[in-house]
Amino acid sequence: MNDFGHESGMMGQEDLRRRLEELRSEHRDLDDVIARLAEATPFNQLQIQRLKKRKLALKDQMTRLESKLLPDIIA
């Protein structure tokens, strides 16, 4: 599985941090690509929608990894 969904339980803290940084980098790159495509006339709406969907999936993966890295705090 590409997002390490099943492997993250076996990954160490450093591995999780490295993977999180990779996801953040890809997320930023998608921001740039989407902005460039939106500036072009005419732009491909379907392609932009797919990139935004990918960006949301990355955000979900980042949130899962961040929750594994942060200790549970019970208020």
Protein backbone atom coordinates (compact mmCIF):
# COMPACT_ATOMS: atom_id res chain seq x y z
CA MET A 1 0.00 0.00 0.00
CA ASN A 2 1.53 3.32 -1.07
CA ASP A 3 0.39 5.39 1.88
CA PHE A 4 1.94 2.96 4.38
CA GLY A 5 -1.53 2.60 5.90
CA HIS A 6 -0.89 -0.93 7.13
CA GLU A 7 2.85 -0.57 7.59
CA SER A 8 2.77 2.53 9.79
CA GLY A 9 2.19 0.41 12.89
CA MET A 10 5.62 -1.12 12.29
CA MET A 11 7.36 2.11 11.29
CA GLY A 12 9.57 3.94 13.75
CA GLN A 13 9.14 7.59 14.70
CA GLU A 14 11.89 8.69 12.32
CA ASP A 15 10.33 6.72 9.45
CA LEU A 16 6.96 8.34 10.15
CA ARG A 17 8.52 11.82 10.19
CA ARG A 18 10.34 11.14 6.92
CA ARG A 19 7.16 9.88 5.25
CA LEU A 20 5.22 12.86 6.59
CA GLU A 21 7.76 15.25 5.06
CA GLU A 22 7.49 13.41 1.72
CA LEU A 23 3.72 13.80 1.80
CA ARG A 24 3.99 17.50 2.70
CA SER A 25 6.38 18.05 -0.19
CA GLU A 26 4.06 16.34 -2.67
CA HIS A 27 1.13 18.34 -1.26
CA ARG A 28 3.02 21.61 -1.86
CA ASP A 29 3.99 20.49 -5.35
CA LEU A 30 0.36 19.79 -6.18
CA ASP A 31 -0.54 23.31 -5.01
CA ASP A 32 1.93 24.70 -7.55
CA VAL A 33 0.73 22.45 -10.38
CA ILE A 34 -2.94 23.27 -9.72
CA ALA A 35 -2.19 27.01 -9.67
CA ARG A 36 -0.30 26.81 -12.98
CA LEU A 37 -3.05 24.77 -14.63
CA ALA A 38 -5.74 27.17 -13.41
CA GLU A 39 -3.84 30.11 -14.94
CA ALA A 40 -3.70 28.48 -18.36
CA THR A 41 -6.51 29.25 -20.78
CA PRO A 42 -8.31 27.04 -21.45
CA PHE A 43 -7.61 24.81 -18.47
CA ASN A 44 -8.54 21.18 -18.03
CA GLN A 45 -11.16 21.11 -15.27
CA LEU A 46 -11.10 17.30 -15.03
CA GLN A 47 -7.34 17.26 -14.55
CA ILE A 48 -7.56 19.94 -11.86
CA GLN A 49 -10.32 18.00 -10.06
CA ARG A 50 -8.17 14.86 -10.07
CA LEU A 51 -5.18 16.76 -8.68
CA LYS A 52 -7.33 18.30 -5.96
CA LYS A 53 -8.66 14.85 -5.05
CA ARG A 54 -5.08 13.57 -4.82
CA LYS A 55 -4.20 16.58 -2.67
CA LEU A 56 -7.07 15.77 -0.28
CA ALA A 57 -5.93 12.14 -0.07
CA LEU A 58 -2.43 13.35 0.82
CA LYS A 59 -3.89 15.60 3.51
CA ASP A 60 -5.73 12.62 4.99
CA GLN A 61 -2.53 10.57 5.03
CA MET A 62 -0.64 13.45 6.65
CA THR A 63 -3.31 13.77 9.34
CA ARG A 64 -3.10 10.03 10.10
CA LEU A 65 0.69 10.16 10.38
CA GLU A 66 0.60 13.29 12.52
CA SER A 67 -1.82 11.59 14.92
CA LYS A 68 0.60 8.66 15.23
CA LEU A 69 3.46 11.03 16.01
CA LEU A 70 1.62 13.09 18.62
CA PRO A 71 1.09 11.46 22.00
CA ASP A 72 -2.49 11.06 23.11
CA ILE A 73 -3.37 13.74 25.64
CA ILE A 74 -6.42 13.15 27.78
CA ALA A 75 -7.82 16.41 29.10
